[in-house]
C-alpha atoms as a PDB file:
ATOM      1  CA  UNK A   1      10.805  28.476 -12.458  1.00  0.00           C
ATOM      2  CA  UNK A   2      10.005  25.500 -10.229  1.00  0.00           C
ATOM      3  CA  UNK A   3      11.795  24.951  -6.913  1.00  0.00           C
ATOM      4  CA  UNK A   4      11.996  21.998  -4.525  1.00  0.00           C
ATOM      5  CA  UNK A   5       9.300  23.724  -2.461  1.00  0.00           C
ATOM      6  CA  UNK A   6       6.926  23.831  -5.435  1.00  0.00           C
ATOM      7  CA  UNK A   7       3.949  21.468  -5.155  1.00  0.00           C
ATOM      8  CA  UNK A   8       3.620  18.052  -6.755  1.00  0.00           C
ATOM      9  CA  UNK A   9       0.394  16.855  -8.347  1.00  0.00           C
ATOM     10  CA  UNK A  10      -0.444  13.371  -7.104  1.00  0.00           C
ATOM     11  CA  UNK A  11      -2.974  10.753  -8.185  1.00  0.00           C
ATOM     12  CA  UNK A  12      -3.733   7.588  -6.210  1.00  0.00           C
ATOM     13  CA  UNK A  13      -5.619   4.942  -8.194  1.00  0.00           C
ATOM     14  CA  UNK A  14      -7.311   2.068  -6.380  1.00  0.00           C
ATOM     15  CA  UNK A  15     -10.113  -0.342  -7.036  1.00  0.00           C
ATOM     16  CA  UNK A  16     -12.586   1.702  -4.970  1.00  0.00           C
ATOM     17  CA  UNK A  17     -11.522   5.313  -5.404  1.00  0.00           C
ATOM     18  CA  UNK A  18      -9.344   7.636  -7.453  1.00  0.00           C
ATOM     19  CA  UNK A  19      -7.911  10.463  -5.344  1.00  0.00           C
ATOM     20  CA  UNK A  20      -5.919  13.449  -6.552  1.00  0.00           C
ATOM     21  CA  UNK A  21      -4.168  16.235  -4.680  1.00  0.00           C
ATOM     22  CA  UNK A  22      -1.622  18.981  -4.768  1.00  0.00           C
ATOM     23  CA  UNK A  23       1.040  18.058  -2.229  1.00  0.00           C
ATOM     24  CA  UNK A  24       3.432  20.573  -0.715  1.00  0.00           C
ATOM     25  CA  UNK A  25       7.137  19.978  -0.253  1.00  0.00           C
ATOM     26  CA  UNK A  26       6.499  19.120   3.402  1.00  0.00           C
ATOM     27  CA  UNK A  27       3.937  16.435   2.546  1.00  0.00           C
ATOM     28  CA  UNK A  28       0.825  18.457   3.368  1.00  0.00           C
ATOM     29  CA  UNK A  29      -2.190  18.198   1.081  1.00  0.00           C
ATOM     30  CA  UNK A  30      -2.927  21.649  -0.305  1.00  0.00           C
ATOM     31  CA  UNK A  31      -6.055  20.620  -2.158  1.00  0.00           C
ATOM     32  CA  UNK A  32      -7.741  17.260  -2.698  1.00  0.00           C
ATOM     33  CA  UNK A  33     -10.466  15.669  -4.790  1.00  0.00           C
ATOM     34  CA  UNK A  34     -11.821  12.153  -5.195  1.00  0.00           C
ATOM     35  CA  UNK A  35     -13.879  10.040  -7.592  1.00  0.00           C
ATOM     36  CA  UNK A  36     -15.303   6.521  -7.295  1.00  0.00           C
ATOM     37  CA  UNK A  37     -13.390   4.086  -9.502  1.00  0.00           C
ATOM     38  CA  UNK A  38     -15.623   2.657 -12.249  1.00  0.00           C
ATOM     39  CA  UNK A  39     -13.689  -0.590 -11.790  1.00  0.00           C
ATOM     40  CA  UNK A  40     -16.152  -2.790 -13.677  1.00  0.00           C
ATOM     41  CA  UNK A  41     -16.093  -0.529 -16.759  1.00  0.00           C
ATOM     42  CA  UNK A  42     -13.775  -0.561 -19.762  1.00  0.00           C
ATOM     43  CA  UNK A  43     -10.305   0.953 -19.583  1.00  0.00           C
ATOM     44  CA  UNK A  44     -11.194   4.242 -21.267  1.00  0.00           C
ATOM     45  CA  UNK A  45     -14.011   4.858 -18.785  1.00  0.00           C
ATOM     46  CA  UNK A  46     -11.610   4.325 -15.889  1.00  0.00           C
ATOM     47  CA  UNK A  47      -9.127   6.688 -17.513  1.00  0.00           C
ATOM     48  CA  UNK A  48     -11.918   9.233 -17.926  1.00  0.00           C
ATOM     49  CA  UNK A  49     -12.445   9.299 -14.162  1.00  0.00           C
ATOM     50  CA  UNK A  50      -8.692   9.818 -13.633  1.00  0.00           C
ATOM     51  CA  UNK A  51      -8.569  12.662 -16.147  1.00  0.00           C
ATOM     52  CA  UNK A  52     -11.669  14.247 -14.622  1.00  0.00           C
ATOM     53  CA  UNK A  53      -9.945  14.358 -11.241  1.00  0.00           C
ATOM     54  CA  UNK A  54      -6.786  15.757 -12.858  1.00  0.00           C
ATOM     55  CA  UNK A  55      -8.768  18.470 -14.650  1.00  0.00           C
ATOM     56  CA  UNK A  56     -10.350  19.544 -11.364  1.00  0.00           C
ATOM     57  CA  UNK A  57      -6.939  19.640  -9.723  1.00  0.00           C
ATOM     58  CA  UNK A  58      -5.637  21.828 -12.540  1.00  0.00           C
ATOM     59  CA  UNK A  59      -8.121  24.562 -11.570  1.00  0.00           C
ATOM     60  CA  UNK A  60      -6.649  24.849  -8.052  1.00  0.00           C
ATOM     61  CA  UNK A  61      -4.537  27.825  -6.973  1.00  0.00           C
ATOM     62  CA  UNK A  62      -0.868  26.934  -7.266  1.00  0.00           C
ATOM     63  CA  UNK A  63      -1.264  24.663 -10.284  1.00  0.00           C
ATOM     64  CA  UNK A  64       1.075  26.869 -12.338  1.00  0.00           C
ATOM     65  CA  UNK A  65       3.880  26.035  -9.891  1.00  0.00           C
ATOM     66  CA  UNK A  66       3.430  22.252 -10.043  1.00  0.00           C
ATOM     67  CA  UNK A  67       6.744  20.614 -10.976  1.00  0.00           C
ATOM     68  CA  UNK A  68       5.745  16.961 -11.532  1.00  0.00           C
ATOM     69  CA  UNK A  69       2.849  14.520 -11.545  1.00  0.00           C
ATOM     70  CA  UNK A  70       3.239  11.462  -9.310  1.00  0.00           C
ATOM     71  CA  UNK A  71       0.938   8.489  -9.883  1.00  0.00           C
ATOM     72  CA  UNK A  72       0.442   5.647  -7.406  1.00  0.00           C
ATOM     73  CA  UNK A  73      -1.576   2.692  -8.611  1.00  0.00           C
ATOM     74  CA  UNK A  74      -2.772  -0.673  -7.438  1.00  0.00           C
ATOM     75  CA  UNK A  75      -0.619  -3.287  -9.105  1.00  0.00           C
ATOM     76  CA  UNK A  76       1.025  -4.941 -10.687  1.00  0.00           C
ATOM     77  CA  UNK A  77       2.668  -1.963 -12.356  1.00  0.00           C
ATOM     78  CA  UNK A  78       5.586  -1.781 -14.770  1.00  0.00           C
ATOM     79  CA  UNK A  79       7.512   1.431 -14.265  1.00  0.00           C
ATOM     80  CA  UNK A  80       9.922   0.520 -17.077  1.00  0.00           C
ATOM     81  CA  UNK A  81       7.014   0.627 -19.540  1.00  0.00           C
ATOM     82  CA  UNK A  82       4.766   3.099 -17.740  1.00  0.00           C
ATOM     83  CA  UNK A  83       1.919   0.584 -17.629  1.00  0.00           C
ATOM     84  CA  UNK A  84      -0.490  -0.691 -14.969  1.00  0.00           C
ATOM     85  CA  UNK A  85      -2.513  -3.911 -14.647  1.00  0.00           C
ATOM     86  CA  UNK A  86      -4.421  -3.596 -11.357  1.00  0.00           C
ATOM     87  CA  UNK A  87      -5.933  -6.916 -10.310  1.00  0.00           C
ATOM     88  CA  UNK A  88      -9.111  -5.133  -9.209  1.00  0.00           C
ATOM     89  CA  UNK A  89      -9.515  -3.050 -12.412  1.00  0.00           C
ATOM     90  CA  UNK A  90      -9.978  -5.696 -15.138  1.00  0.00           C
ATOM     91  CA  UNK A  91     -10.258  -3.106 -17.929  1.00  0.00           C
ATOM     92  CA  UNK A  92      -6.637  -2.105 -17.376  1.00  0.00           C
ATOM     93  CA  UNK A  93      -4.158  -4.750 -18.505  1.00  0.00           C
ATOM     94  CA  UNK A  94      -0.830  -3.291 -19.572  1.00  0.00           C
ATOM     95  CA  UNK A  95      -2.619   0.062 -19.697  1.00  0.00           C
ATOM     96  CA  UNK A  96      -0.207   2.879 -20.736  1.00  0.00           C
ATOM     97  CA  UNK A  97      -1.153   5.259 -17.921  1.00  0.00           C
ATOM     98  CA  UNK A  98       2.049   7.347 -18.067  1.00  0.00           C
ATOM     99  CA  UNK A  99       1.718   7.949 -21.811  1.00  0.00           C
ATOM    100  CA  UNK A 100      -1.979   8.787 -21.580  1.00  0.00           C
ATOM    101  CA  UNK A 101      -1.522  11.212 -18.673  1.00  0.00           C
ATOM    102  CA  UNK A 102       1.492  12.902 -20.272  1.00  0.00           C
ATOM    103  CA  UNK A 103      -0.577  13.495 -23.419  1.00  0.00           C
ATOM    104  CA  UNK A 104      -3.412  15.170 -21.498  1.00  0.00           C
ATOM    105  CA  UNK A 105      -3.474  18.984 -21.771  1.00  0.00           C
ATOM    106  CA  UNK A 106      -3.552  19.534 -17.992  1.00  0.00           C
ATOM    107  CA  UNK A 107      -0.245  17.644 -17.606  1.00  0.00           C
ATOM    108  CA  UNK A 108       1.523  19.254 -20.553  1.00  0.00           C
ATOM    109  CA  UNK A 109       5.238  19.619 -19.857  1.00  0.00           C
ATOM    110  CA  UNK A 110       5.141  17.806 -16.524  1.00  0.00           C
ATOM    111  CA  UNK A 111       7.254  14.715 -15.839  1.00  0.00           C
ATOM    112  CA  UNK A 112       4.917  11.822 -14.961  1.00  0.00           C
ATOM    113  CA  UNK A 113       6.344   9.394 -12.381  1.00  0.00           C
ATOM    114  CA  UNK A 114       4.628   6.032 -11.744  1.00  0.00           C
ATOM    115  CA  UNK A 115       4.820   3.885  -8.597  1.00  0.00           C
ATOM    116  CA  UNK A 116       2.959   0.891  -7.240  1.00  0.00           C
ATOM    117  CA  UNK A 117       0.777   1.660  -4.230  1.00  0.00           C
ATOM    118  CA  UNK A 118       2.991  -0.252  -1.777  1.00  0.00           C
ATOM    119  CA  UNK A 119       6.101   1.551  -3.007  1.00  0.00           C
ATOM    120  CA  UNK A 120       4.253   4.866  -2.726  1.00  0.00           C
ATOM    121  CA  UNK A 121       3.355   4.212   0.918  1.00  0.00           C
ATOM    122  CA  UNK A 122       6.984   3.267   1.636  1.00  0.00           C
ATOM    123  CA  UNK A 123       8.120   6.541   0.077  1.00  0.00           C
ATOM    124  CA  UNK A 124       5.614   8.499   2.161  1.00  0.00           C
ATOM    125  CA  UNK A 125       6.551   6.855   5.448  1.00  0.00           C
ATOM    126  CA  UNK A 126      10.281   7.242   4.771  1.00  0.00           C
ATOM    127  CA  UNK A 127      10.119  10.876   3.769  1.00  0.00           C
ATOM    128  CA  UNK A 128       7.459  12.070   6.215  1.00  0.00           C
ATOM    129  CA  UNK A 129       6.428   9.258   8.580  1.00  0.00           C
ATOM    130  CA  UNK A 130       7.485   6.444  10.879  1.00  0.00           C
ATOM    131  CA  UNK A 131      10.339   5.175   8.681  1.00  0.00           C
ATOM    132  CA  UNK A 132      12.173   8.522   8.678  1.00  0.00           C
ATOM    133  CA  UNK A 133      14.898   7.462  11.162  1.00  0.00           C
ATOM    134  CA  UNK A 134      15.793   4.275   9.286  1.00  0.00           C
ATOM    135  CA  UNK A 135      18.002   3.473   6.295  1.00  0.00           C
ATOM    136  CA  UNK A 136      16.627  -0.060   5.930  1.00  0.00           C
ATOM    137  CA  UNK A 137      12.908  -0.533   6.436  1.00  0.00           C
ATOM    138  CA  UNK A 138       9.959  -2.496   5.151  1.00  0.00           C
ATOM    139  CA  UNK A 139       6.699  -0.554   4.940  1.00  0.00           C
ATOM    140  CA  UNK A 140       3.524  -2.631   4.706  1.00  0.00           C
ATOM    141  CA  UNK A 141      -0.125  -2.020   3.966  1.00  0.00           C
ATOM    142  CA  UNK A 142      -2.472  -4.579   5.518  1.00  0.00           C
ATOM    143  CA  UNK A 143      -5.945  -3.976   4.154  1.00  0.00           C
ATOM    144  CA  UNK A 144      -8.178  -5.785   1.653  1.00  0.00           C
ATOM    145  CA  UNK A 145      -4.854  -7.106   0.359  1.00  0.00           C
ATOM    146  CA  UNK A 146      -1.308  -7.012   1.704  1.00  0.00           C
ATOM    147  CA  UNK A 147       1.310  -4.883  -0.032  1.00  0.00           C
ATOM    148  CA  UNK A 148       4.599  -3.271   0.754  1.00  0.00           C
ATOM    149  CA  UNK A 149       7.734  -1.457  -0.276  1.00  0.00           C
ATOM    150  CA  UNK A 150      11.374  -1.429   0.770  1.00  0.00           C
ATOM    151  CA  UNK A 151      13.804   1.279   1.801  1.00  0.00           C
ATOM    152  CA  UNK A 152      17.362  -0.051   1.460  1.00  0.00           C
ATOM    153  CA  UNK A 153      20.508   1.968   2.144  1.00  0.00           C
ATOM    154  CA  UNK A 154      18.371   5.046   2.606  1.00  0.00           C
ATOM    155  CA  UNK A 155      16.730   4.835  -0.797  1.00  0.00           C
ATOM    156  CA  UNK A 156      13.477   3.524  -2.198  1.00  0.00           C
ATOM    157  CA  UNK A 157      14.098   0.090  -3.741  1.00  0.00           C
ATOM    158  CA  UNK A 158      11.623  -0.399  -6.570  1.00  0.00           C
ATOM    159  CA  UNK A 159      13.169  -3.181  -8.627  1.00  0.00           C
ATOM    160  CA  UNK A 160      13.227  -2.968 -12.449  1.00  0.00           C
ATOM    161  CA  UNK A 161       9.431  -3.081 -12.881  1.00  0.00           C
ATOM    162  CA  UNK A 162       8.521  -1.308  -9.640  1.00  0.00           C
ATOM    163  CA  UNK A 163       7.155  -4.334  -7.779  1.00  0.00           C
ATOM    164  CA  UNK A 164       9.961  -5.056  -5.291  1.00  0.00           C
ATOM    165  CA  UNK A 165       8.766  -5.425  -1.707  1.00  0.00           C
ATOM    166  CA  UNK A 166       5.410  -6.993  -2.641  1.00  0.00           C
ATOM    167  CA  UNK A 167       5.410  -8.989   0.579  1.00  0.00           C
ATOM    168  CA  UNK A 168       1.773 -10.057   0.320  1.00  0.00           C
ATOM    169  CA  UNK A 169       2.798 -12.759  -2.127  1.00  0.00           C
ATOM    170  CA  UNK A 170       5.503 -14.445  -0.093  1.00  0.00           C
ATOM    171  CA  UNK A 171       4.383 -18.015   0.643  1.00  0.00           C
ATOM    172  CA  UNK A 172       4.177 -18.723   4.378  1.00  0.00           C
ATOM    173  CA  UNK A 173       1.972 -21.851   4.264  1.00  0.00           C
ATOM    174  CA  UNK A 174       3.191 -24.581   1.923  1.00  0.00           C
ATOM    175  CA  UNK A 175      -0.203 -26.298   1.908  1.00  0.00           C
ATOM    176  CA  UNK A 176      -2.264 -23.106   2.131  1.00  0.00           C
ATOM    177  CA  UNK A 177      -5.167 -21.844   0.077  1.00  0.00           C
ATOM    178  CA  UNK A 178      -4.630 -21.072  -3.605  1.00  0.00           C
ATOM    179  CA  UNK A 179      -4.041 -17.355  -4.199  1.00  0.00           C
ATOM    180  CA  UNK A 180      -5.376 -15.409  -7.196  1.00  0.00           C
ATOM    181  CA  UNK A 181      -1.736 -14.589  -8.002  1.00  0.00           C
ATOM    182  CA  UNK A 182      -1.270 -18.254  -9.005  1.00  0.00           C
ATOM    183  CA  UNK A 183       0.697 -19.387  -5.961  1.00  0.00           C
ATOM    184  CA  UNK A 184      -0.636 -20.783  -2.676  1.00  0.00           C
ATOM    185  CA  UNK A 185      -0.327 -20.003   0.998  1.00  0.00           C
ATOM    186  CA  UNK A 186       0.553 -16.347   0.384  1.00  0.00           C
ATOM    187  CA  UNK A 187       0.613 -13.911   3.299  1.00  0.00           C
ATOM    188  CA  UNK A 188      -2.372 -12.165   1.725  1.00  0.00           C
ATOM    189  CA  UNK A 189      -4.383 -15.387   2.079  1.00  0.00           C
ATOM    190  CA  UNK A 190      -3.806 -15.383   5.845  1.00  0.00           C
ATOM    191  CA  UNK A 191      -3.393 -11.781   6.977  1.00  0.00           C
ATOM    192  CA  UNK A 192      -5.566  -9.506   4.827  1.00  0.00           C
ATOM    193  CA  UNK A 193      -8.866  -8.247   6.206  1.00  0.00           C
ATOM    194  CA  UNK A 194     -10.666 -10.554   3.802  1.00  0.00           C
ATOM    195  CA  UNK A 195      -8.610 -13.544   4.970  1.00  0.00           C
ATOM    196  CA  UNK A 196      -9.152 -12.779   8.678  1.00  0.00           C
ATOM    197  CA  UNK A 197     -12.927 -12.686   8.207  1.00  0.00           C
ATOM    198  CA  UNK A 198     -12.895 -15.814   6.015  1.00  0.00           C
ATOM    199  CA  UNK A 199     -10.884 -17.800   8.565  1.00  0.00           C
ATOM    200  CA  UNK A 200     -13.131 -16.723  11.441  1.00  0.00           C
ATOM    201  CA  UNK A 201     -16.287 -17.743   9.558  1.00  0.00           C
ATOM    202  CA  UNK A 202     -14.763 -21.069   8.529  1.00  0.00           C
ATOM    203  CA  UNK A 203     -13.845 -21.746  12.145  1.00  0.00           C
ATOM    204  CA  UNK A 204     -17.374 -21.210  13.431  1.00  0.00           C
ATOM    205  CA  UNK A 205     -17.449 -17.511  14.331  1.00  0.00           C
ATOM    206  CA  UNK A 206     -20.871 -15.976  13.774  1.00  0.00           C
ATOM    207  CA  UNK A 207     -21.174 -12.216  13.364  1.00  0.00           C
ATOM    208  CA  UNK A 208     -23.710 -10.087  15.159  1.00  0.00           C
ATOM    209  CA  UNK A 209     -25.848  -7.785  12.992  1.00  0.00           C
ATOM    210  CA  UNK A 210     -24.863  -9.408   9.679  1.00  0.00           C
ATOM    211  CA  UNK A 211     -21.432  -7.702   9.650  1.00  0.00           C
ATOM    212  CA  UNK A 212     -18.849 -10.328   8.693  1.00  0.00           C
ATOM    213  CA  UNK A 213     -15.945  -7.913   8.140  1.00  0.00           C
ATOM    214  CA  UNK A 214     -12.508  -7.965   9.772  1.00  0.00           C
ATOM    215  CA  UNK A 215     -13.683  -4.964  11.827  1.00  0.00           C
ATOM    216  CA  UNK A 216     -16.506  -7.099  13.248  1.00  0.00           C
ATOM    217  CA  UNK A 217     -14.047  -9.923  13.952  1.00  0.00           C
ATOM    218  CA  UNK A 218     -11.895  -7.400  15.843  1.00  0.00           C
ATOM    219  CA  UNK A 219     -14.882  -6.310  17.950  1.00  0.00           C
ATOM    220  CA  UNK A 220     -15.536  -9.947  18.863  1.00  0.00           C
ATOM    221  CA  UNK A 221     -11.866 -10.466  19.676  1.00  0.00           C
ATOM    222  CA  UNK A 222     -11.896  -7.490  22.051  1.00  0.00           C
ATOM    223  CA  UNK A 223     -14.909  -9.079  23.757  1.00  0.00           C
ATOM    224  CA  UNK A 224     -12.870 -12.251  24.270  1.00  0.00           C
ATOM    225  CA  UNK A 225     -14.223 -14.473  21.495  1.00  0.00           C
ATOM    226  CA  UNK A 226     -11.565 -17.224  21.125  1.00  0.00           C
ATOM    227  CA  UNK A 227     -12.174 -17.806  17.401  1.00  0.00           C
ATOM    228  CA  UNK A 228     -11.851 -14.097  16.618  1.00  0.00           C
ATOM    229  CA  UNK A 229      -8.697 -13.878  18.721  1.00  0.00           C
ATOM    230  CA  UNK A 230      -7.295 -16.893  16.864  1.00  0.00           C
ATOM    231  CA  UNK A 231      -7.964 -15.227  13.506  1.00  0.00           C
ATOM    232  CA  UNK A 232      -5.831 -12.215  14.467  1.00  0.00           C
ATOM    233  CA  UNK A 233      -3.195 -14.454  16.071  1.00  0.00           C
ATOM    234  CA  UNK A 234      -2.906 -16.367  12.780  1.00  0.00           C
ATOM    235  CA  UNK A 235      -2.658 -13.144  10.773  1.00  0.00           C
ATOM    236  CA  UNK A 236       0.061 -11.785  13.070  1.00  0.00           C
ATOM    237  CA  UNK A 237       1.989 -15.043  12.777  1.00  0.00           C
ATOM    238  CA  UNK A 238       1.813 -14.983   8.963  1.00  0.00           C
ATOM    239  CA  UNK A 239       3.018 -11.384   8.843  1.00  0.00           C
ATOM    240  CA  UNK A 240       5.854 -12.164  11.267  1.00  0.00           C
ATOM    241  CA  UNK A 241       7.030 -15.082   9.124  1.00  0.00           C
ATOM    242  CA  UNK A 242       7.116 -12.916   5.994  1.00  0.00           C
ATOM    243  CA  UNK A 243       8.828 -10.001   7.752  1.00  0.00           C
ATOM    244  CA  UNK A 244      11.463 -12.331   9.194  1.00  0.00           C
ATOM    245  CA  UNK A 245      12.098 -13.865   5.759  1.00  0.00           C
ATOM    246  CA  UNK A 246      12.536 -10.394   4.272  1.00  0.00           C
ATOM    247  CA  UNK A 247      14.836  -9.293   7.094  1.00  0.00           C
ATOM    248  CA  UNK A 248      16.963 -12.410   6.612  1.00  0.00           C
ATOM    249  CA  UNK A 249      17.384 -11.611   2.921  1.00  0.00           C
ATOM    250  CA  UNK A 250      18.100  -7.882   3.035  1.00  0.00           C
ATOM    251  CA  UNK A 251      18.726  -6.917   6.717  1.00  0.00           C
ATOM    252  CA  UNK A 252      16.127  -4.527   8.106  1.00  0.00           C
ATOM    253  CA  UNK A 253      16.135  -2.063  10.982  1.00  0.00           C
ATOM    254  CA  UNK A 254      12.376  -1.601  11.155  1.00  0.00           C
ATOM    255  CA  UNK A 255       8.990  -2.484   9.765  1.00  0.00           C
ATOM    256  CA  UNK A 256       6.181   0.054   9.489  1.00  0.00           C
ATOM    257  CA  UNK A 257       2.653  -1.308   9.252  1.00  0.00           C
ATOM    258  CA  UNK A 258      -0.323   0.661   7.987  1.00  0.00           C
ATOM    259  CA  UNK A 259      -3.620  -0.007   6.246  1.00  0.00           C
ATOM    260  CA  UNK A 260      -7.119  -0.525   7.576  1.00  0.00           C
ATOM    261  CA  UNK A 261      -6.453  -3.857   9.302  1.00  0.00           C
ATOM    262  CA  UNK A 262      -3.497  -2.395  11.228  1.00  0.00           C
ATOM    263  CA  UNK A 263      -5.906   0.072  12.845  1.00  0.00           C
ATOM    264  CA  UNK A 264      -6.895  -2.698  15.283  1.00  0.00           C
ATOM    265  CA  UNK A 265      -3.550  -2.067  16.980  1.00  0.00           C
ATOM    266  CA  UNK A 266      -2.485  -4.606  19.570  1.00  0.00           C
ATOM    267  CA  UNK A 267      -4.889  -7.315  18.379  1.00  0.00           C
ATOM    268  CA  UNK A 268      -2.654  -7.701  15.338  1.00  0.00           C
ATOM    269  CA  UNK A 269       0.647  -6.160  16.404  1.00  0.00           C
ATOM    270  CA  UNK A 270       1.051  -7.988  19.720  1.00  0.00           C
ATOM    271  CA  UNK A 271       1.014 -11.491  18.166  1.00  0.00           C
ATOM    272  CA  UNK A 272       3.079 -10.185  15.260  1.00  0.00           C
ATOM    273  CA  UNK A 273       5.814  -8.943  17.626  1.00  0.00           C
ATOM    274  CA  UNK A 274       5.716 -12.158  19.657  1.00  0.00           C
ATOM    275  CA  UNK A 275       6.072 -14.402  16.599  1.00  0.00           C
ATOM    276  CA  UNK A 276       8.728 -12.133  15.098  1.00  0.00           C
ATOM    277  CA  UNK A 277      10.947 -12.880  18.088  1.00  0.00           C
ATOM    278  CA  UNK A 278      10.712 -16.566  17.147  1.00  0.00           C
ATOM    279  CA  UNK A 279      11.036 -16.313  13.368  1.00  0.00           C
ATOM    280  CA  UNK A 280      13.702 -13.586  13.199  1.00  0.00           C
ATOM    281  CA  UNK A 281      16.152 -15.666  15.205  1.00  0.00           C
ATOM    282  CA  UNK A 282      19.508 -14.989  13.568  1.00  0.00           C
ATOM    283  CA  UNK A 283      21.398 -12.127  15.253  1.00  0.00           C
ATOM    284  CA  UNK A 284      21.472  -9.903  12.166  1.00  0.00           C
ATOM    285  CA  UNK A 285      17.694 -10.281  11.707  1.00  0.00           C
ATOM    286  CA  UNK A 286      16.670 -10.052  15.359  1.00  0.00           C
ATOM    287  CA  UNK A 287      15.667  -6.837  17.040  1.00  0.00           C
ATOM    288  CA  UNK A 288      13.585  -5.339  14.238  1.00  0.00           C
ATOM    289  CA  UNK A 289      11.424  -2.555  15.614  1.00  0.00           C
ATOM    290  CA  UNK A 290       7.731  -2.597  14.620  1.00  0.00           C
ATOM    291  CA  UNK A 291       5.923   0.710  14.175  1.00  0.00           C
ATOM    292  CA  UNK A 292       2.402   1.775  13.282  1.00  0.00           C
ATOM    293  CA  UNK A 293       2.328   3.920  10.162  1.00  0.00           C
ATOM    294  CA  UNK A 294       1.968   7.631  10.883  1.00  0.00           C
ATOM    295  CA  UNK A 295       0.321   8.642   7.619  1.00  0.00           C
ATOM    296  CA  UNK A 296      -3.331   7.724   7.324  1.00  0.00           C
ATOM    297  CA  UNK A 297      -5.672   7.159   4.446  1.00  0.00           C
ATOM    298  CA  UNK A 298      -3.914   9.737   2.253  1.00  0.00           C
ATOM    299  CA  UNK A 299      -0.542   7.943   2.457  1.00  0.00           C
ATOM    300  CA  UNK A 300      -0.931   6.839  -1.166  1.00  0.00           C
ATOM    301  CA  UNK A 301      -1.261  10.430  -2.366  1.00  0.00           C
ATOM    302  CA  UNK A 302       1.600  11.685  -0.225  1.00  0.00           C
ATOM    303  CA  UNK A 303       3.680   8.726  -1.400  1.00  0.00           C
ATOM    304  CA  UNK A 304       2.969   9.295  -5.090  1.00  0.00           C
ATOM    305  CA  UNK A 305       4.197  12.831  -4.554  1.00  0.00           C
ATOM    306  CA  UNK A 306       7.226  11.636  -2.550  1.00  0.00           C
ATOM    307  CA  UNK A 307       8.300   9.327  -5.381  1.00  0.00           C
ATOM    308  CA  UNK A 308       8.003  12.219  -7.830  1.00  0.00           C
ATOM    309  CA  UNK A 309      10.106  14.365  -5.487  1.00  0.00           C
ATOM    310  CA  UNK A 310      12.918  11.938  -6.214  1.00  0.00           C
ATOM    311  CA  UNK A 311      13.233  10.083  -2.923  1.00  0.00           C
END
C-alpha cells in the first residue's frame, strides 16, 4: 500500500539532458541518474534514452513503493492529450509520451502525470522553495530560454493544455526581433542568456578568450564594461515589463526567478526590481516581492514529482 510519504519517480526531459530520480515526500532526491538527450535523432531514439533512464531507476531500492511517475518536459506540452512537442527536440511533435511511458513494463500500474518544465519548476518552488509562503506567485526560469508557471489561489494553474504562465512569449517590444514562436519582441528575445550575449555582441562587446556566453558578458559587466552592463539592464527591464503585465492581469504577491542566467544575482535582479517599480504602477500590482529560486539544477525533477504529488 502506497502512502503520501512513498516516493515519486520523476523524469525531466530537456534538449541537453534527460534526468530521472526517485523523490521523497519532502522533495529530497533519493537516487538520480542522467542521460544526454539525443536531440538530433528520431523520436524513438529519444524515447529509448528516456526508457533507459527509467529502467535504471527501477532497479533502485524503494522502487516497489513508488506511487506515481511525474514527467516534466520542455514544451510546448499538451497535458490534455499527454503529448509533447519540445522546440529543441525536432523528432518529437505531438509525441504521446504519457501513453508510451505507461505502456513500459517498469511503469506498469503507475499513474503518469505530465507537466511542462516551467510548470514543474513552479510546483517545486511552491511546495518546497521560495514560493512556499505565497498563494499567488509567478515562478520563472531564465536560461537558454525563458519559461514560467503560475500559482494562483494557492494552486498550480496549468491551463487546459498545461502551458499557462509561459511568460517568455509575452511581447515586450512591438518592433523587436522575430521569435521562433512566430511572434516578435518576446521576452525570450531580450532576456534569455542567448539574447543577452547576442545583444552585447551586436553592440560592440568583444569577449576575452573566445567565450561569447552570457556568463562571459556577466564577467565583463562586473568589471565595469558599459555594453555588458547595458545588456543585463535591458534583460532586467524586459523581465520587469512582463512580470508587471502578468501581475496586472492576475494579481501576484511574489515572483521567484531561477535558471542559469539568474545566477548572476544583482546584475540582473537589481535592474529588474528598479524597472518593476515603474511598470507595476497600479496599487494592486505594486509591491511584488522578487526572490531568487531556492531549488537548483534539479528543480525540474523535484517539480515533476511535486505535480504528481497533486499540488
